[in-house]
Protein backbone atom coordinates (compact mmCIF):
# COMPACT_ATOMS: atom_id res chain seq x y z
CA MET A 1 -0.11 0.16 -0.13
CA ILE A 2 1.35 3.37 -0.91
CA VAL A 3 0.71 6.29 1.69
CA THR A 4 0.55 9.52 -0.16
CA GLY A 5 2.43 12.56 1.70
CA LYS A 6 -1.10 14.18 2.29
CA ALA A 7 -2.03 11.04 3.96
CA ARG A 8 1.02 10.46 5.65
CA SER A 9 0.72 14.00 7.23
CA GLN A 10 -2.90 13.20 8.30
CA THR A 11 -1.84 10.10 10.09
CA MET A 12 0.93 11.71 12.08
CA GLY A 13 -1.35 14.61 12.85
CA GLY A 14 -3.79 12.06 14.47
CA ARG A 15 -0.69 10.39 16.41
CA ARG A 16 0.15 13.82 17.62
CA PHE A 17 -3.50 14.53 18.68
CA ASP A 18 -3.80 11.07 20.32
CA ARG A 19 -0.50 11.91 22.32
CA SER A 20 -1.99 15.43 23.56
CA PHE A 21 -5.32 13.90 24.41
CA LEU A 22 -3.28 11.31 26.40
CA THR A 23 -1.03 13.64 28.07
CA LEU A 24 -4.03 15.86 29.26
CA ALA A 25 -5.80 12.96 30.46
CA ILE A 26 -2.90 11.80 32.69
CA GLY A 27 -2.54 15.50 33.84
CA ILE A 28 -6.15 15.83 34.74
CA LEU A 29 -6.08 12.20 36.55
CA ALA A 30 -3.00 13.55 38.56
CA LEU A 31 -4.61 16.87 39.69
CA LEU A 32 -7.65 14.96 40.86
CA TRP A 33 -5.42 12.66 42.87
CA SER A 34 -3.80 15.48 44.51
CA LEU A 35 -6.80 17.28 45.67
CA PRO A 36 -7.23 17.51 49.51
CA THR A 37 -9.68 14.24 50.87
CA SER A 38 -11.58 16.84 52.97
CA ALA A 39 -13.54 17.78 49.72
CA ALA A 40 -15.04 14.23 50.10
CA GLU A 41 -15.08 13.58 53.78
CA PRO A 42 -17.62 16.06 55.92
CA ALA A 43 -16.14 17.10 59.19
CA THR A 44 -17.55 15.31 62.36
CA VAL A 45 -18.19 16.21 65.73
CA ALA A 46 -18.96 13.62 68.34
CA PHE A 47 -19.75 13.48 72.02
CA THR A 48 -19.51 10.21 73.96
CA LEU A 49 -20.46 9.79 77.71
CA ASP A 50 -19.88 6.44 79.96
CA PHE A 51 -21.29 6.38 83.32
CA PRO A 52 -21.75 2.75 84.78
CA GLY A 53 -24.86 2.58 87.33
CA SER A 54 -26.98 5.24 84.95
CA ASP A 55 -29.49 4.65 82.47
CA PRO A 56 -28.36 4.58 79.59
CA GLU A 57 -24.49 3.66 80.89
CA HIS A 58 -23.18 4.46 77.76
CA TYR A 59 -24.18 6.56 74.69
CA SER A 60 -22.51 8.41 71.83
CA ILE A 61 -23.96 11.01 69.35
CA SER A 62 -21.88 11.97 66.20
CA VAL A 63 -23.06 14.92 63.85
CA GLN A 64 -21.49 15.51 60.46
CA SER A 65 -20.96 18.85 58.95
CA ASP A 66 -24.04 18.41 56.51
CA GLY A 67 -26.15 17.57 59.71
CA ARG A 68 -26.51 13.88 59.33
CA ALA A 69 -26.06 12.30 62.88
CA ARG A 70 -26.11 8.89 64.40
CA TYR A 71 -26.97 7.93 68.13
CA GLU A 72 -26.07 4.62 69.73
CA CYS A 73 -26.49 3.58 73.37
CA SER A 74 -26.51 0.92 75.76
CA ALA A 75 -29.41 0.88 78.02
CA LYS A 76 -31.94 -1.19 80.14
CA ILE A 77 -34.88 -2.53 77.66
CA SER A 78 -37.49 -1.00 80.02
CA ASP A 79 -38.13 0.26 83.53
CA GLU A 80 -39.37 -3.03 84.61
CA SER A 81 -36.48 -5.01 83.37
CA GLU A 82 -32.81 -5.13 84.07
CA ASP A 83 -32.03 -6.57 80.66
CA ARG A 84 -30.00 -4.23 78.29
CA GLU A 85 -30.18 -3.51 74.58
CA THR A 86 -27.93 -1.74 72.17
CA TYR A 87 -30.02 0.84 70.44
CA GLN A 88 -28.87 2.86 67.16
CA THR A 89 -31.06 5.50 65.40
CA GLU A 90 -29.80 8.16 62.57
CA PHE A 91 -31.64 11.39 62.24
CA THR A 92 -30.55 14.80 60.74
CA PHE A 93 -29.68 17.86 62.96
CA SER A 94 -31.67 21.18 62.47
CA GLU A 95 -29.29 23.81 60.57
CA ALA A 96 -29.69 26.04 63.60
CA THR A 97 -28.16 23.27 65.97
CA ARG A 98 -25.74 22.00 63.64
CA ALA A 99 -24.00 25.55 62.90
CA ARG A 100 -24.07 26.12 66.89
CA ILE A 101 -22.38 22.54 67.29
CA PHE A 102 -19.61 23.42 64.78
CA ASP A 103 -19.10 27.10 65.75
CA LEU A 104 -18.65 26.00 69.57
CA THR A 105 -16.58 23.43 68.19
CA ALA A 106 -14.25 26.16 66.79
CA GLN A 107 -14.45 27.95 69.99
CA ALA A 108 -13.15 25.14 71.91
CA ARG A 109 -9.90 24.87 69.41
CA TYR A 110 -11.36 21.47 68.17
CA PHE A 111 -10.66 19.83 71.58
CA SER A 112 -6.94 19.91 70.52
CA GLY A 113 -5.97 20.76 74.35
CA LYS A 114 -6.83 19.76 77.77
CA ILE A 115 -10.35 20.65 78.49
CA ASP A 116 -10.86 19.07 82.04
CA SER A 117 -11.02 21.65 84.84
CA GLY A 118 -8.70 19.37 86.75
CA ASN A 119 -10.81 19.94 89.91
CA ARG A 120 -10.96 16.79 91.95
CA LYS A 121 -13.63 18.07 94.28
CA ILE A 122 -16.25 18.24 91.50
CA ALA A 123 -18.50 15.10 91.59
CA ASN A 124 -18.37 12.42 88.93
CA THR A 125 -20.70 12.94 86.50
CA GLY A 126 -19.67 10.51 83.93
CA ALA A 127 -16.54 10.13 81.89
CA LYS A 128 -17.00 12.24 78.83
CA LYS A 129 -15.45 12.77 75.55
CA LEU A 130 -15.55 15.23 72.55
CA ALA A 131 -13.97 14.45 69.55
CA TYR A 132 -13.54 16.36 65.88
CA LYS A 133 -12.40 14.84 62.57
CA ASP A 134 -12.16 16.40 59.14
CA GLY A 135 -9.67 15.50 56.22
CA GLN A 136 -6.87 17.66 57.85
CA ARG A 137 -7.05 17.10 61.30
CA GLU A 138 -8.08 14.83 64.32
CA SER A 139 -8.27 15.30 67.88
CA ALA A 140 -10.34 14.52 71.11
CA ALA A 141 -10.30 15.53 74.96
CA ALA A 142 -11.69 13.33 77.69
CA TYR A 143 -13.03 15.22 80.90
CA ASN A 144 -15.38 15.07 83.97
CA PHE A 145 -16.28 18.91 84.34
CA SER A 146 -14.94 21.53 82.08
CA SER A 147 -14.63 25.08 83.09
CA GLN A 148 -14.70 26.28 79.23
CA PRO A 149 -17.98 27.94 78.32
CA ALA A 150 -17.83 26.39 74.82
CA VAL A 151 -17.47 23.12 76.26
CA GLN A 152 -20.24 23.40 78.90
CA GLN A 153 -22.58 24.48 76.14
CA LEU A 154 -21.79 21.36 73.80
CA THR A 155 -22.24 19.24 76.99
CA THR A 156 -25.61 20.62 77.73
CA LEU A 157 -26.50 20.59 74.32
CA PHE A 158 -25.61 16.84 73.79
CA GLN A 159 -27.28 15.73 76.90
CA GLY A 160 -30.24 17.35 75.75
CA VAL A 161 -30.24 15.58 72.46
CA ALA A 162 -29.42 12.31 74.21
CA ALA A 163 -32.39 12.79 76.53
CA THR A 164 -34.82 13.42 73.65
CA LEU A 165 -33.68 10.29 71.83
CA GLU A 166 -34.02 8.24 74.82
CA PHE A 167 -37.57 9.21 75.03
CA GLY A 168 -37.68 8.03 71.70
CA ARG A 169 -36.07 4.81 72.50
CA ARG A 170 -38.74 4.28 75.24
CA LEU A 171 -41.64 5.16 73.35
CA ALA A 172 -40.86 2.76 70.32
CA HIS A 173 -40.63 -0.01 73.10
CA ASN A 174 -43.60 0.89 74.81
CA HIS A 175 -45.60 1.35 71.62
CA ARG A 176 -44.99 -1.93 70.72
CA TYR A 177 -44.88 -4.09 73.77
CA GLN A 178 -46.83 -1.76 76.60
CA LYS A 179 -48.98 0.89 75.03
CA LEU A 180 -50.75 1.49 78.42
CA ALA A 181 -47.19 2.83 79.73
CA LEU A 182 -46.97 5.67 76.69
CA ASP A 183 -49.30 8.04 78.72
CA ASP A 184 -46.72 8.48 81.68
CA GLU A 185 -43.80 8.63 79.29
CA LEU A 186 -45.45 11.32 76.96
CA LYS A 187 -46.42 13.02 80.48
CA ARG A 188 -42.75 13.23 81.38
CA MET A 189 -41.65 14.28 77.98
CA GLU A 190 -43.84 16.83 77.45
CA ASP A 191 -43.02 18.28 80.95
CA GLU A 192 -39.16 18.11 80.16
CA ALA A 193 -40.08 19.92 76.43
CA ARG A 194 -41.85 22.63 78.06
CA ARG A 195 -38.85 23.17 80.49
CA GLY A 196 -36.26 23.22 77.46
CA ASP A 197 -34.65 20.14 78.68
CA LEU A 198 -35.13 18.48 75.27
CA VAL A 199 -33.25 19.49 72.13
CA GLU A 200 -34.07 18.30 68.48
CA LEU A 201 -37.50 16.97 68.89
CA GLN A 202 -37.83 16.62 65.47
CA ALA A 203 -35.46 13.65 65.60
CA VAL A 204 -38.70 11.55 67.12
CA LYS A 205 -41.13 13.26 65.21
CA PRO A 206 -41.54 10.09 62.99
CA LEU A 207 -42.14 8.07 66.12
CA LEU A 208 -44.74 10.55 67.59
CA GLN A 209 -46.42 10.40 64.45
CA GLU A 210 -46.84 6.70 64.40
CA ILE A 211 -48.17 7.07 68.07
CA TYR A 212 -50.80 9.64 66.79
CA ASP A 213 -51.72 7.92 63.65
CA ASP A 214 -52.52 4.60 65.97
CA SER A 215 -56.17 4.66 66.38
CA SER A 216 -55.73 1.46 68.95
CA VAL A 217 -53.94 4.02 71.32
CA MET A 218 -56.09 6.33 73.93
CA ASN A 219 -57.07 9.43 72.56
CA VAL A 220 -55.60 11.47 75.39
CA VAL A 221 -52.16 9.74 74.46
CA ARG A 222 -52.42 10.69 70.70
CA ALA A 223 -53.40 14.14 71.80
CA ARG A 224 -50.25 14.65 73.88
CA ALA A 225 -47.97 12.96 71.06
CA GLN A 226 -49.76 15.52 68.90
CA ARG A 227 -48.98 18.74 71.21
CA ILE A 228 -45.00 17.75 71.63
CA MET A 229 -44.94 17.36 67.84
CA GLU A 230 -46.35 20.93 67.58
CA MET A 231 -43.73 22.62 69.89
CA GLY A 232 -41.44 24.78 68.50
CA PRO A 233 -37.63 24.87 69.19
CA ALA A 234 -38.17 27.81 71.79
CA ALA A 235 -40.18 25.17 73.99
CA ALA A 236 -37.68 22.25 72.68
CA GLY A 237 -34.35 23.30 73.71
CA GLY A 238 -33.73 25.58 71.08
CA ARG A 239 -32.04 28.49 73.31
């Protein structure tokens, strides 16, 4: 086969084009590999409490910078039983609370140093830990009591969230096994919500809705579940 000068030129030009395209593709891939992983990994703040003899005796809450969160605990199945269960649930923080958590974390310098007050005269209220992680840093600090305002506020906030989710755990059990116990549990929940002791009530709203929609539950109980669902942030720890 005889290749003319014009055809030879086109063939060589095509090869040059192929090599240029390959070089460009390699360059793009190298750039992508060099990008920091933090772009794909949301930052996470976690709070853990271990307090043997209490109920729950262990729980942890982790929240990502996009608001997605996870709660897990080890607690008694019910007040009438000493049997324990491991409970887990996922939910999404409200934007206001999510932003507050990460703002307070920044004020606490991402827990990179000592946060415990060191005062041994303060009663033991459980072994607590705050941790922070993103694509560039990872730090954690343990404490019983901290004199840092940001850490104190985070502790109160996370404990309020845990209290809300513990009501959710007990209500789920009672709704399935002890419907007559729902009234007392919801009374306590309503009282604590009105005092502002519960945070992120929307995390258990699906469960409250299930109770409200259940025609086999007493009307007074369903009405109480509805009132709790209608409470705004100001009445539910949104301070």
